[in-house]
Amino acid sequence: MQYQDLIDACQTEWQAYTKHDFVTQLASGNLPKDSFLHYLKQDFLFLKQYARAYALAVYKANSLADMRQALPTLNALLNSEISHHVSFCQDWGLSEAQMEQEREDFGTLAYTRYVLDAGMSGNLVDLYAALAPCSIGYAVIGEQISLDANTQWENNPYRSWIELYAGDDYQGHAKQGALYFNTLLANIDIKSERGQQLIEVFCTATRMEIAFWQQGLNATN
């Protein structure tokens, strides 16, 4: 099987995630700033736990090659994505120290601990199945927004976010990660019990991505 088989197995959830109202409003520039700021603060906390998950991938790996696979992503998370979020929040008067003091919403807490639990209780493949909706999904969303003729570029306060995930660096890194994930999945039959277990992990993480977007929208309600 390949990662696309996992996406195909939960198309309803995948479409709800990659075409969520949060995403479409962000692309149009009409997303309430309070929603985006809340998302940024929670995503800062999310990415800290996500980095821990990639550190766990090193621990779960049995070979040096598999250990090395996690390091570029871990470095990108700590030195690029999180820095981007910190910069965004600084523009709106929030410091890194203030974000460190933010409380995790229930959606953030549930999602991040689910990913870590999938890795702790399962093996490396389970962990990457839980991580993949975020890493692959954001690349799909970034490309989708950038190619959409309805995307508002001029005076869009979220243009920097779009450019980050539509950019060559993130797209290339996500593609490399997806290809590596395919090597982990290569000998697993999607119709087997093991294949069905991985579908459940992937679909659950995708549903949690939907909830993560929604908690951002709910911040203004």
N, C-alpha and C. Protein backbone atom coordinates (compact mmCIF):
# COMPACT_ATOMS: atom_id res chain seq x y z
N MET A 1 0.83 -1.20 0.00
CA MET A 1 0.00 0.00 0.00
C MET A 1 0.87 1.25 0.00
N GLN A 2 0.26 2.39 -0.31
CA GLN A 2 0.92 3.68 -0.29
C GLN A 2 0.07 4.67 0.50
N TYR A 3 0.66 5.83 0.81
CA TYR A 3 -0.07 6.79 1.63
C TYR A 3 -1.35 7.25 0.95
N GLN A 4 -1.36 7.27 -0.40
CA GLN A 4 -2.57 7.68 -1.11
C GLN A 4 -3.72 6.72 -0.82
N ASP A 5 -3.40 5.45 -0.56
CA ASP A 5 -4.45 4.49 -0.21
C ASP A 5 -5.13 4.88 1.10
N LEU A 6 -4.36 5.43 2.02
CA LEU A 6 -4.92 5.88 3.29
C LEU A 6 -5.85 7.08 3.07
N ILE A 7 -5.43 7.98 2.23
CA ILE A 7 -6.26 9.14 1.90
C ILE A 7 -7.55 8.68 1.23
N ASP A 8 -7.42 7.76 0.27
CA ASP A 8 -8.59 7.27 -0.46
C ASP A 8 -9.57 6.56 0.47
N ALA A 9 -9.05 5.96 1.53
CA ALA A 9 -9.90 5.19 2.45
C ALA A 9 -10.73 6.08 3.35
N CYS A 10 -10.38 7.35 3.45
CA CYS A 10 -11.19 8.27 4.29
C CYS A 10 -11.36 9.60 3.57
N GLN A 11 -11.90 9.51 2.35
CA GLN A 11 -12.06 10.70 1.51
C GLN A 11 -13.00 11.73 2.13
N THR A 12 -14.05 11.28 2.80
CA THR A 12 -14.98 12.23 3.41
C THR A 12 -14.26 13.11 4.43
N GLU A 13 -13.47 12.47 5.30
CA GLU A 13 -12.71 13.20 6.31
C GLU A 13 -11.64 14.07 5.66
N TRP A 14 -10.97 13.52 4.64
CA TRP A 14 -9.88 14.25 3.99
C TRP A 14 -10.38 15.53 3.32
N GLN A 15 -11.52 15.44 2.65
CA GLN A 15 -12.08 16.61 2.00
C GLN A 15 -12.53 17.64 3.04
N ALA A 16 -13.13 17.16 4.12
CA ALA A 16 -13.57 18.07 5.18
C ALA A 16 -12.39 18.78 5.83
N TYR A 17 -11.25 18.14 5.86
CA TYR A 17 -10.03 18.71 6.43
C TYR A 17 -9.38 19.70 5.47
N THR A 18 -9.11 19.27 4.25
CA THR A 18 -8.34 20.11 3.32
C THR A 18 -9.17 21.24 2.72
N LYS A 19 -10.51 21.15 2.83
CA LYS A 19 -11.37 22.21 2.28
C LYS A 19 -12.28 22.79 3.37
N HIS A 20 -11.77 22.79 4.57
CA HIS A 20 -12.51 23.31 5.71
C HIS A 20 -12.77 24.81 5.53
N ASP A 21 -13.83 25.30 6.17
CA ASP A 21 -14.15 26.73 6.09
C ASP A 21 -12.99 27.60 6.57
N PHE A 22 -12.23 27.13 7.56
CA PHE A 22 -11.07 27.89 8.03
C PHE A 22 -10.11 28.12 6.88
N VAL A 23 -9.88 27.09 6.08
CA VAL A 23 -8.94 27.16 4.96
C VAL A 23 -9.46 28.09 3.88
N THR A 24 -10.73 27.97 3.52
CA THR A 24 -11.27 28.80 2.45
C THR A 24 -11.34 30.27 2.87
N GLN A 25 -11.65 30.52 4.13
CA GLN A 25 -11.68 31.90 4.61
C GLN A 25 -10.27 32.49 4.69
N LEU A 26 -9.31 31.66 5.03
CA LEU A 26 -7.92 32.10 5.06
C LEU A 26 -7.46 32.48 3.66
N ALA A 27 -7.81 31.66 2.67
CA ALA A 27 -7.41 31.92 1.29
C ALA A 27 -8.02 33.20 0.75
N SER A 28 -9.24 33.51 1.18
CA SER A 28 -9.91 34.71 0.70
C SER A 28 -9.50 35.95 1.48
N GLY A 29 -8.80 35.74 2.61
CA GLY A 29 -8.42 36.86 3.46
C GLY A 29 -9.52 37.29 4.40
N ASN A 30 -10.63 36.55 4.42
CA ASN A 30 -11.79 36.93 5.23
C ASN A 30 -11.85 36.24 6.58
N LEU A 31 -10.87 35.41 6.89
CA LEU A 31 -10.86 34.74 8.18
C LEU A 31 -10.72 35.78 9.29
N PRO A 32 -11.59 35.75 10.31
CA PRO A 32 -11.45 36.71 11.41
C PRO A 32 -10.06 36.62 12.04
N LYS A 33 -9.47 37.75 12.31
CA LYS A 33 -8.11 37.75 12.86
C LYS A 33 -8.04 37.07 14.22
N ASP A 34 -9.11 37.17 15.00
CA ASP A 34 -9.13 36.48 16.28
C ASP A 34 -9.04 34.96 16.10
N SER A 35 -9.68 34.46 15.05
CA SER A 35 -9.62 33.02 14.75
C SER A 35 -8.20 32.62 14.38
N PHE A 36 -7.57 33.42 13.54
CA PHE A 36 -6.21 33.08 13.10
C PHE A 36 -5.22 33.19 14.25
N LEU A 37 -5.37 34.21 15.06
CA LEU A 37 -4.46 34.39 16.18
C LEU A 37 -4.60 33.24 17.17
N HIS A 38 -5.85 32.83 17.43
CA HIS A 38 -6.09 31.69 18.32
C HIS A 38 -5.45 30.44 17.72
N TYR A 39 -5.63 30.25 16.42
CA TYR A 39 -5.01 29.11 15.74
C TYR A 39 -3.49 29.14 15.88
N LEU A 40 -2.89 30.31 15.67
CA LEU A 40 -1.44 30.43 15.76
C LEU A 40 -0.93 30.06 17.16
N LYS A 41 -1.63 30.53 18.17
CA LYS A 41 -1.21 30.23 19.55
C LYS A 41 -1.32 28.74 19.83
N GLN A 42 -2.40 28.13 19.38
CA GLN A 42 -2.57 26.70 19.60
C GLN A 42 -1.61 25.89 18.73
N ASP A 43 -1.36 26.39 17.52
CA ASP A 43 -0.44 25.67 16.63
C ASP A 43 0.99 25.73 17.17
N PHE A 44 1.33 26.81 17.84
CA PHE A 44 2.63 26.90 18.51
C PHE A 44 2.77 25.75 19.52
N LEU A 45 1.73 25.55 20.31
CA LEU A 45 1.74 24.47 21.30
C LEU A 45 1.70 23.11 20.62
N PHE A 46 0.93 23.01 19.52
CA PHE A 46 0.85 21.77 18.77
C PHE A 46 2.22 21.39 18.21
N LEU A 47 2.90 22.36 17.61
CA LEU A 47 4.18 22.06 16.97
C LEU A 47 5.25 21.63 17.96
N LYS A 48 5.16 22.12 19.18
CA LYS A 48 6.10 21.64 20.22
C LYS A 48 5.91 20.14 20.45
N GLN A 49 4.66 19.70 20.54
CA GLN A 49 4.38 18.28 20.74
C GLN A 49 4.69 17.47 19.47
N TYR A 50 4.45 18.10 18.32
CA TYR A 50 4.76 17.45 17.04
C TYR A 50 6.26 17.20 16.93
N ALA A 51 7.05 18.15 17.40
CA ALA A 51 8.50 17.95 17.41
C ALA A 51 8.88 16.79 18.32
N ARG A 52 8.21 16.68 19.46
CA ARG A 52 8.46 15.54 20.35
C ARG A 52 8.15 14.22 19.65
N ALA A 53 7.12 14.23 18.81
CA ALA A 53 6.74 13.02 18.09
C ALA A 53 7.83 12.61 17.10
N TYR A 54 8.45 13.58 16.46
CA TYR A 54 9.54 13.24 15.54
C TYR A 54 10.78 12.80 16.30
N ALA A 55 10.96 13.33 17.51
CA ALA A 55 12.04 12.82 18.36
C ALA A 55 11.74 11.37 18.76
N LEU A 56 10.47 11.07 18.99
CA LEU A 56 10.06 9.70 19.29
C LEU A 56 10.34 8.77 18.11
N ALA A 57 10.21 9.31 16.88
CA ALA A 57 10.50 8.50 15.69
C ALA A 57 11.96 8.03 15.69
N VAL A 58 12.85 8.86 16.18
CA VAL A 58 14.26 8.44 16.31
C VAL A 58 14.37 7.28 17.29
N TYR A 59 13.67 7.38 18.40
CA TYR A 59 13.70 6.33 19.42
C TYR A 59 13.09 5.03 18.90
N LYS A 60 12.02 5.15 18.11
CA LYS A 60 11.32 3.96 17.62
C LYS A 60 12.03 3.29 16.45
N ALA A 61 12.91 4.02 15.79
CA ALA A 61 13.59 3.47 14.61
C ALA A 61 14.58 2.37 14.99
N ASN A 62 14.69 1.39 14.12
CA ASN A 62 15.61 0.28 14.37
C ASN A 62 16.92 0.41 13.61
N SER A 63 16.96 1.28 12.61
CA SER A 63 18.17 1.44 11.82
C SER A 63 18.63 2.89 11.86
N LEU A 64 19.89 3.10 11.58
CA LEU A 64 20.42 4.46 11.51
C LEU A 64 19.74 5.25 10.39
N ALA A 65 19.45 4.57 9.29
CA ALA A 65 18.79 5.25 8.16
C ALA A 65 17.44 5.79 8.59
N ASP A 66 16.68 4.99 9.33
CA ASP A 66 15.37 5.45 9.80
C ASP A 66 15.51 6.55 10.84
N MET A 67 16.54 6.46 11.67
CA MET A 67 16.78 7.51 12.65
C MET A 67 17.06 8.84 11.96
N ARG A 68 17.88 8.79 10.91
CA ARG A 68 18.25 10.01 10.21
C ARG A 68 17.07 10.64 9.48
N GLN A 69 16.09 9.84 9.09
CA GLN A 69 14.94 10.36 8.36
C GLN A 69 14.18 11.42 9.15
N ALA A 70 14.12 11.26 10.46
CA ALA A 70 13.33 12.17 11.29
C ALA A 70 14.03 13.50 11.55
N LEU A 71 15.34 13.54 11.41
CA LEU A 71 16.09 14.72 11.83
C LEU A 71 15.81 15.98 11.02
N PRO A 72 15.71 15.92 9.66
CA PRO A 72 15.42 17.15 8.92
C PRO A 72 14.08 17.76 9.31
N THR A 73 13.07 16.91 9.54
CA THR A 73 11.76 17.43 9.93
C THR A 73 11.81 18.04 11.32
N LEU A 74 12.49 17.37 12.22
CA LEU A 74 12.63 17.90 13.57
C LEU A 74 13.33 19.25 13.55
N ASN A 75 14.37 19.37 12.75
CA ASN A 75 15.10 20.64 12.63
C ASN A 75 14.21 21.72 12.01
N ALA A 76 13.43 21.35 10.97
CA ALA A 76 12.55 22.32 10.32
C ALA A 76 11.47 22.80 11.29
N LEU A 77 10.95 21.91 12.10
CA LEU A 77 9.93 22.29 13.07
C LEU A 77 10.48 23.29 14.08
N LEU A 78 11.64 22.99 14.63
CA LEU A 78 12.21 23.80 15.69
C LEU A 78 12.76 25.13 15.18
N ASN A 79 13.27 25.13 13.95
CA ASN A 79 13.98 26.32 13.47
C ASN A 79 13.28 27.07 12.34
N SER A 80 12.16 26.54 11.83
CA SER A 80 11.47 27.22 10.73
C SER A 80 10.00 27.46 11.04
N GLU A 81 9.22 26.39 11.11
CA GLU A 81 7.78 26.55 11.29
C GLU A 81 7.43 27.28 12.58
N ILE A 82 8.03 26.85 13.69
CA ILE A 82 7.71 27.49 14.96
C ILE A 82 8.18 28.95 14.94
N SER A 83 9.33 29.20 14.33
CA SER A 83 9.82 30.58 14.23
C SER A 83 8.86 31.44 13.43
N HIS A 84 8.27 30.86 12.38
CA HIS A 84 7.30 31.59 11.57
C HIS A 84 6.09 31.97 12.41
N HIS A 85 5.63 31.05 13.23
CA HIS A 85 4.48 31.33 14.09
C HIS A 85 4.82 32.37 15.15
N VAL A 86 6.02 32.28 15.69
CA VAL A 86 6.45 33.27 16.67
C VAL A 86 6.49 34.65 16.04
N SER A 87 7.02 34.74 14.82
CA SER A 87 7.10 36.02 14.12
C SER A 87 5.71 36.59 13.85
N PHE A 88 4.80 35.74 13.42
CA PHE A 88 3.43 36.17 13.18
C PHE A 88 2.83 36.78 14.44
N CYS A 89 2.98 36.07 15.54
CA CYS A 89 2.37 36.53 16.79
C CYS A 89 3.04 37.78 17.32
N GLN A 90 4.34 37.93 17.08
CA GLN A 90 5.03 39.14 17.50
C GLN A 90 4.48 40.35 16.76
N ASP A 91 4.11 40.16 15.50
CA ASP A 91 3.52 41.25 14.73
C ASP A 91 2.20 41.71 15.34
N TRP A 92 1.54 40.81 16.08
CA TRP A 92 0.27 41.13 16.70
C TRP A 92 0.38 41.27 18.21
N GLY A 93 1.61 41.52 18.66
CA GLY A 93 1.81 41.88 20.06
C GLY A 93 1.95 40.72 21.03
N LEU A 94 2.19 39.52 20.54
CA LEU A 94 2.36 38.35 21.43
C LEU A 94 3.79 37.85 21.35
N SER A 95 4.44 37.71 22.47
CA SER A 95 5.81 37.23 22.50
C SER A 95 5.84 35.71 22.62
N GLU A 96 7.00 35.15 22.35
CA GLU A 96 7.18 33.70 22.51
C GLU A 96 6.92 33.28 23.95
N ALA A 97 7.39 34.09 24.89
CA ALA A 97 7.20 33.78 26.31
C ALA A 97 5.71 33.74 26.66
N GLN A 98 4.93 34.66 26.07
CA GLN A 98 3.49 34.66 26.33
C GLN A 98 2.83 33.41 25.75
N MET A 99 3.26 33.01 24.58
CA MET A 99 2.68 31.82 23.96
C MET A 99 3.02 30.56 24.75
N GLU A 100 4.20 30.56 25.34
CA GLU A 100 4.58 29.42 26.18
C GLU A 100 3.62 29.26 27.36
N GLN A 101 3.00 30.35 27.76
CA GLN A 101 2.09 30.32 28.91
C GLN A 101 0.65 30.02 28.51
N GLU A 102 0.39 29.94 27.20
CA GLU A 102 -0.97 29.63 26.75
C GLU A 102 -1.38 28.22 27.19
N ARG A 103 -2.66 28.06 27.47
CA ARG A 103 -3.20 26.75 27.82
C ARG A 103 -3.62 26.03 26.55
N GLU A 104 -3.40 24.74 26.50
CA GLU A 104 -3.82 23.95 25.36
C GLU A 104 -5.34 23.78 25.37
N ASP A 105 -5.96 24.06 24.23
CA ASP A 105 -7.38 23.74 24.08
C ASP A 105 -7.53 22.22 24.09
N PHE A 106 -8.76 21.77 24.35
CA PHE A 106 -8.99 20.33 24.41
C PHE A 106 -8.66 19.65 23.08
N GLY A 107 -8.97 20.35 21.96
CA GLY A 107 -8.66 19.78 20.65
C GLY A 107 -7.16 19.60 20.45
N THR A 108 -6.39 20.58 20.87
CA THR A 108 -4.93 20.51 20.76
C THR A 108 -4.39 19.38 21.63
N LEU A 109 -4.90 19.33 22.85
CA LEU A 109 -4.47 18.31 23.80
C LEU A 109 -4.77 16.91 23.28
N ALA A 110 -6.02 16.70 22.81
CA ALA A 110 -6.43 15.39 22.33
C ALA A 110 -5.61 14.95 21.12
N TYR A 111 -5.41 15.88 20.19
CA TYR A 111 -4.70 15.54 18.95
C TYR A 111 -3.25 15.17 19.22
N THR A 112 -2.54 16.04 19.91
CA THR A 112 -1.12 15.80 20.12
C THR A 112 -0.87 14.55 20.95
N ARG A 113 -1.67 14.32 21.97
CA ARG A 113 -1.45 13.13 22.79
C ARG A 113 -1.85 11.87 22.05
N TYR A 114 -2.81 11.99 21.12
CA TYR A 114 -3.16 10.83 20.30
C TYR A 114 -1.97 10.42 19.44
N VAL A 115 -1.34 11.40 18.82
CA VAL A 115 -0.18 11.11 17.97
C VAL A 115 0.93 10.45 18.79
N LEU A 116 1.22 11.02 19.93
CA LEU A 116 2.28 10.46 20.77
C LEU A 116 1.91 9.06 21.26
N ASP A 117 0.64 8.85 21.60
CA ASP A 117 0.21 7.54 22.06
C ASP A 117 0.29 6.51 20.93
N ALA A 118 -0.06 6.93 19.71
CA ALA A 118 0.04 6.02 18.56
C ALA A 118 1.47 5.54 18.39
N GLY A 119 2.41 6.46 18.59
CA GLY A 119 3.82 6.09 18.47
C GLY A 119 4.31 5.26 19.63
N MET A 120 3.88 5.58 20.83
CA MET A 120 4.34 4.85 22.01
C MET A 120 3.77 3.44 22.06
N SER A 121 2.49 3.29 21.72
CA SER A 121 1.85 1.98 21.81
C SER A 121 2.07 1.13 20.56
N GLY A 122 2.36 1.79 19.43
CA GLY A 122 2.60 1.07 18.19
C GLY A 122 4.07 1.09 17.80
N ASN A 123 4.31 0.95 16.49
CA ASN A 123 5.69 1.01 16.01
C ASN A 123 5.88 2.25 15.14
N LEU A 124 6.96 2.29 14.41
CA LEU A 124 7.30 3.47 13.61
C LEU A 124 6.22 3.77 12.56
N VAL A 125 5.64 2.72 11.98
CA VAL A 125 4.62 2.92 10.95
C VAL A 125 3.37 3.56 11.55
N ASP A 126 2.96 3.11 12.73
CA ASP A 126 1.81 3.71 13.40
C ASP A 126 2.05 5.19 13.67
N LEU A 127 3.25 5.51 14.11
CA LEU A 127 3.58 6.90 14.41
C LEU A 127 3.50 7.76 13.16
N TYR A 128 4.08 7.29 12.05
CA TYR A 128 4.03 8.08 10.83
C TYR A 128 2.63 8.15 10.24
N ALA A 129 1.80 7.14 10.48
CA ALA A 129 0.41 7.19 10.03
C ALA A 129 -0.35 8.28 10.77
N ALA A 130 0.00 8.50 12.04
CA ALA A 130 -0.64 9.56 12.83
C ALA A 130 -0.08 10.93 12.48
N LEU A 131 1.18 11.00 12.07
CA LEU A 131 1.81 12.27 11.71
C LEU A 131 1.44 12.73 10.30
N ALA A 132 1.17 11.79 9.42
CA ALA A 132 1.03 12.09 7.99
C ALA A 132 -0.09 13.06 7.64
N PRO A 133 -1.27 13.00 8.28
CA PRO A 133 -2.30 13.97 7.89
C PRO A 133 -1.86 15.41 8.02
N CYS A 134 -1.05 15.72 8.99
CA CYS A 134 -0.56 17.08 9.15
C CYS A 134 0.48 17.42 8.09
N SER A 135 1.53 16.62 8.00
CA SER A 135 2.63 16.94 7.09
C SER A 135 2.19 16.91 5.63
N ILE A 136 1.45 15.87 5.23
CA ILE A 136 0.99 15.76 3.85
C ILE A 136 -0.17 16.73 3.60
N GLY A 137 -1.07 16.82 4.56
CA GLY A 137 -2.25 17.65 4.39
C GLY A 137 -1.93 19.12 4.21
N TYR A 138 -0.97 19.64 4.97
CA TYR A 138 -0.62 21.05 4.84
C TYR A 138 0.01 21.33 3.47
N ALA A 139 0.74 20.35 2.93
CA ALA A 139 1.29 20.53 1.59
C ALA A 139 0.17 20.56 0.56
N VAL A 140 -0.81 19.68 0.71
CA VAL A 140 -1.96 19.66 -0.19
C VAL A 140 -2.72 20.98 -0.10
N ILE A 141 -2.95 21.45 1.11
CA ILE A 141 -3.68 22.71 1.32
C ILE A 141 -2.90 23.90 0.75
N GLY A 142 -1.60 23.94 1.01
CA GLY A 142 -0.79 25.03 0.49
C GLY A 142 -0.81 25.10 -1.03
N GLU A 143 -0.66 23.94 -1.68
CA GLU A 143 -0.70 23.91 -3.14
C GLU A 143 -2.09 24.24 -3.66
N GLN A 144 -3.09 23.69 -3.01
CA GLN A 144 -4.48 23.93 -3.39
C GLN A 144 -4.83 25.42 -3.37
N ILE A 145 -4.43 26.10 -2.30
CA ILE A 145 -4.71 27.53 -2.19
C ILE A 145 -3.95 28.32 -3.25
N SER A 146 -2.68 27.96 -3.45
CA SER A 146 -1.84 28.73 -4.37
C SER A 146 -2.31 28.61 -5.82
N LEU A 147 -2.97 27.49 -6.16
CA LEU A 147 -3.42 27.28 -7.53
C LEU A 147 -4.86 27.73 -7.77
N ASP A 148 -5.55 28.06 -6.70
CA ASP A 148 -6.95 28.45 -6.80
C ASP A 148 -7.06 29.90 -7.31
N ALA A 149 -7.78 30.07 -8.40
CA ALA A 149 -7.94 31.40 -8.99
C ALA A 149 -8.67 32.36 -8.06
N ASN A 150 -9.41 31.80 -7.09
CA ASN A 150 -10.17 32.65 -6.17
C ASN A 150 -9.35 33.12 -4.97
N THR A 151 -8.13 32.63 -4.84
CA THR A 151 -7.28 33.04 -3.73
C THR A 151 -6.95 34.53 -3.83
N GLN A 152 -7.12 35.22 -2.72
CA GLN A 152 -6.81 36.66 -2.66
C GLN A 152 -5.37 36.84 -2.18
N TRP A 153 -4.54 37.39 -3.05
CA TRP A 153 -3.14 37.59 -2.69
C TRP A 153 -2.90 39.02 -2.18
N GLU A 154 -3.45 39.99 -2.87
CA GLU A 154 -3.22 41.38 -2.48
C GLU A 154 -3.94 41.70 -1.18
N ASN A 155 -3.19 42.28 -0.25
CA ASN A 155 -3.74 42.72 1.04
C ASN A 155 -4.35 41.58 1.86
N ASN A 156 -3.90 40.37 1.59
CA ASN A 156 -4.34 39.23 2.40
C ASN A 156 -3.42 39.13 3.62
N PRO A 157 -3.95 39.30 4.83
CA PRO A 157 -3.08 39.26 6.01
C PRO A 157 -2.46 37.89 6.27
N TYR A 158 -2.95 36.89 5.56
CA TYR A 158 -2.45 35.52 5.77
C TYR A 158 -1.57 35.04 4.61
N ARG A 159 -1.15 35.99 3.79
CA ARG A 159 -0.34 35.64 2.63
C ARG A 159 0.95 34.92 3.03
N SER A 160 1.57 35.37 4.10
CA SER A 160 2.82 34.75 4.55
C SER A 160 2.61 33.28 4.92
N TRP A 161 1.48 32.98 5.54
CA TRP A 161 1.17 31.59 5.89
C TRP A 161 1.00 30.75 4.63
N ILE A 162 0.26 31.30 3.66
CA ILE A 162 0.05 30.59 2.40
C ILE A 162 1.37 30.33 1.70
N GLU A 163 2.21 31.35 1.65
CA GLU A 163 3.49 31.22 0.96
C GLU A 163 4.41 30.21 1.65
N LEU A 164 4.30 30.11 2.96
CA LEU A 164 5.11 29.14 3.70
C LEU A 164 4.78 27.72 3.26
N TYR A 165 3.48 27.38 3.24
CA TYR A 165 3.08 26.00 2.96
C TYR A 165 2.96 25.70 1.47
N ALA A 166 2.88 26.74 0.65
CA ALA A 166 2.89 26.54 -0.81
C ALA A 166 4.30 26.61 -1.37
N GLY A 167 5.24 27.05 -0.55
CA GLY A 167 6.61 27.27 -1.01
C GLY A 167 7.37 26.00 -1.31
N ASP A 168 8.42 26.14 -2.09
CA ASP A 168 9.22 24.99 -2.52
C ASP A 168 9.83 24.24 -1.35
N ASP A 169 10.26 24.96 -0.32
CA ASP A 169 10.91 24.29 0.81
C ASP A 169 9.96 23.33 1.50
N TYR A 170 8.78 23.83 1.85
CA TYR A 170 7.83 22.95 2.55
C TYR A 170 7.33 21.85 1.63
N GLN A 171 7.01 22.21 0.38
CA GLN A 171 6.50 21.22 -0.56
C GLN A 171 7.51 20.11 -0.80
N GLY A 172 8.77 20.49 -0.96
CA GLY A 172 9.81 19.49 -1.19
C GLY A 172 10.02 18.60 0.02
N HIS A 173 10.01 19.20 1.18
CA HIS A 173 10.21 18.42 2.40
C HIS A 173 9.04 17.46 2.62
N ALA A 174 7.81 17.94 2.39
CA ALA A 174 6.63 17.09 2.55
C ALA A 174 6.66 15.93 1.57
N LYS A 175 7.10 16.20 0.34
CA LYS A 175 7.17 15.14 -0.66
C LYS A 175 8.18 14.08 -0.25
N GLN A 176 9.33 14.51 0.24
CA GLN A 176 10.33 13.54 0.70
C GLN A 176 9.79 12.69 1.84
N GLY A 177 9.08 13.34 2.76
CA GLY A 177 8.50 12.61 3.88
C GLY A 177 7.45 11.61 3.42
N ALA A 178 6.63 12.01 2.43
CA ALA A 178 5.60 11.11 1.91
C ALA A 178 6.22 9.91 1.21
N LEU A 179 7.29 10.13 0.46
CA LEU A 179 7.97 9.02 -0.21
C LEU A 179 8.57 8.06 0.80
N TYR A 180 9.12 8.59 1.88
CA TYR A 180 9.67 7.73 2.93
C TYR A 180 8.55 6.93 3.59
N PHE A 181 7.42 7.59 3.84
CA PHE A 181 6.27 6.90 4.42
C PHE A 181 5.84 5.75 3.52
N ASN A 182 5.90 5.95 2.20
CA ASN A 182 5.56 4.88 1.26
C ASN A 182 6.46 3.67 1.42
N THR A 183 7.73 3.90 1.72
CA THR A 183 8.64 2.76 1.91
C THR A 183 8.26 1.96 3.15
N LEU A 184 7.75 2.65 4.17
CA LEU A 184 7.32 1.95 5.39
C LEU A 184 6.04 1.15 5.13
N LEU A 185 5.22 1.62 4.20
CA LEU A 185 3.94 0.98 3.92
C LEU A 185 4.02 -0.09 2.84
N ALA A 186 5.14 -0.15 2.14
CA ALA A 186 5.25 -0.92 0.90
C ALA A 186 4.83 -2.39 1.03
N ASN A 187 5.17 -3.02 2.13
CA ASN A 187 4.90 -4.45 2.27
C ASN A 187 3.63 -4.77 3.05
N ILE A 188 2.79 -3.76 3.24
CA ILE A 188 1.54 -3.95 3.98
C ILE A 188 0.37 -3.95 3.02
N ASP A 189 -0.45 -4.97 3.08
CA ASP A 189 -1.66 -5.07 2.25
C ASP A 189 -2.77 -4.24 2.89
N ILE A 190 -3.32 -3.32 2.15
CA ILE A 190 -4.35 -2.44 2.71
C ILE A 190 -5.57 -3.23 3.19
N LYS A 191 -5.80 -4.38 2.61
CA LYS A 191 -6.96 -5.19 2.99
C LYS A 191 -6.69 -6.09 4.21
N SER A 192 -5.44 -6.12 4.62
CA SER A 192 -5.08 -6.95 5.76
C SER A 192 -5.52 -6.28 7.06
N GLU A 193 -5.48 -7.04 8.16
CA GLU A 193 -5.82 -6.46 9.46
C GLU A 193 -4.89 -5.30 9.80
N ARG A 194 -3.62 -5.46 9.46
CA ARG A 194 -2.65 -4.40 9.73
C ARG A 194 -2.96 -3.16 8.90
N GLY A 195 -3.32 -3.36 7.64
CA GLY A 195 -3.68 -2.23 6.79
C GLY A 195 -4.89 -1.49 7.32
N GLN A 196 -5.87 -2.21 7.81
CA GLN A 196 -7.07 -1.60 8.36
C GLN A 196 -6.77 -0.83 9.65
N GLN A 197 -5.83 -1.35 10.43
CA GLN A 197 -5.42 -0.63 11.64
C GLN A 197 -4.81 0.71 11.29
N LEU A 198 -3.98 0.73 10.25
CA LEU A 198 -3.33 1.98 9.85
C LEU A 198 -4.32 2.97 9.26
N ILE A 199 -5.32 2.47 8.56
CA ILE A 199 -6.38 3.34 8.06
C ILE A 199 -7.07 4.03 9.23
N GLU A 200 -7.35 3.27 10.29
CA GLU A 200 -8.03 3.84 11.45
C GLU A 200 -7.18 4.92 12.11
N VAL A 201 -5.88 4.68 12.23
CA VAL A 201 -4.98 5.69 12.81
C VAL A 201 -4.97 6.95 11.95
N PHE A 202 -4.80 6.78 10.65
CA PHE A 202 -4.74 7.91 9.73
C PHE A 202 -6.05 8.70 9.73
N CYS A 203 -7.17 7.99 9.69
CA CYS A 203 -8.47 8.66 9.65
C CYS A 203 -8.77 9.39 10.96
N THR A 204 -8.36 8.79 12.08
CA THR A 204 -8.57 9.45 13.37
C THR A 204 -7.77 10.75 13.44
N ALA A 205 -6.52 10.70 13.02
CA ALA A 205 -5.70 11.92 13.02
C ALA A 205 -6.27 12.97 12.07
N THR A 206 -6.83 12.54 10.95
CA THR A 206 -7.46 13.47 10.01
C THR A 206 -8.67 14.14 10.64
N ARG A 207 -9.48 13.38 11.36
CA ARG A 207 -10.64 13.96 12.04
C ARG A 207 -10.20 14.97 13.09
N MET A 208 -9.05 14.73 13.70
CA MET A 208 -8.54 15.67 14.69
C MET A 208 -8.02 16.94 14.04
N GLU A 209 -7.55 16.83 12.80
CA GLU A 209 -7.17 18.03 12.05
C GLU A 209 -8.41 18.89 11.77
N ILE A 210 -9.52 18.25 11.44
CA ILE A 210 -10.77 18.98 11.23
C ILE A 210 -11.16 19.74 12.49
N ALA A 211 -11.07 19.05 13.63
CA ALA A 211 -11.42 19.67 14.91
C ALA A 211 -10.47 20.82 15.24
N PHE A 212 -9.22 20.70 14.82
CA PHE A 212 -8.24 21.76 15.08
C PHE A 212 -8.59 23.02 14.32
N TRP A 213 -8.98 22.88 13.04
CA TRP A 213 -9.45 24.04 12.28
C TRP A 213 -10.67 24.64 12.96
N GLN A 214 -11.60 23.76 13.36
CA GLN A 214 -12.87 24.23 13.88
C GLN A 214 -12.70 25.00 15.17
N GLN A 215 -11.77 24.58 16.02
CA GLN A 215 -11.58 25.31 17.27
C GLN A 215 -11.07 26.72 17.00
N GLY A 216 -10.38 26.92 15.88
CA GLY A 216 -9.96 28.26 15.49
C GLY A 216 -11.16 29.10 15.11
N LEU A 217 -12.07 28.54 14.32
CA LEU A 217 -13.28 29.27 13.95
C LEU A 217 -14.14 29.56 15.16
N ASN A 218 -14.21 28.60 16.06
CA ASN A 218 -15.06 28.76 17.26
C ASN A 218 -14.55 29.84 18.19
N ALA A 219 -13.31 30.26 18.02
CA ALA A 219 -12.72 31.25 18.93
C ALA A 219 -13.41 32.60 18.82
N THR A 220 -14.13 32.82 17.73
CA THR A 220 -14.81 34.10 17.56
C THR A 220 -16.30 34.00 17.85
N ASN A 221 -16.76 32.81 18.21
CA ASN A 221 -18.20 32.61 18.47
C ASN A 221 -18.55 32.95 19.91
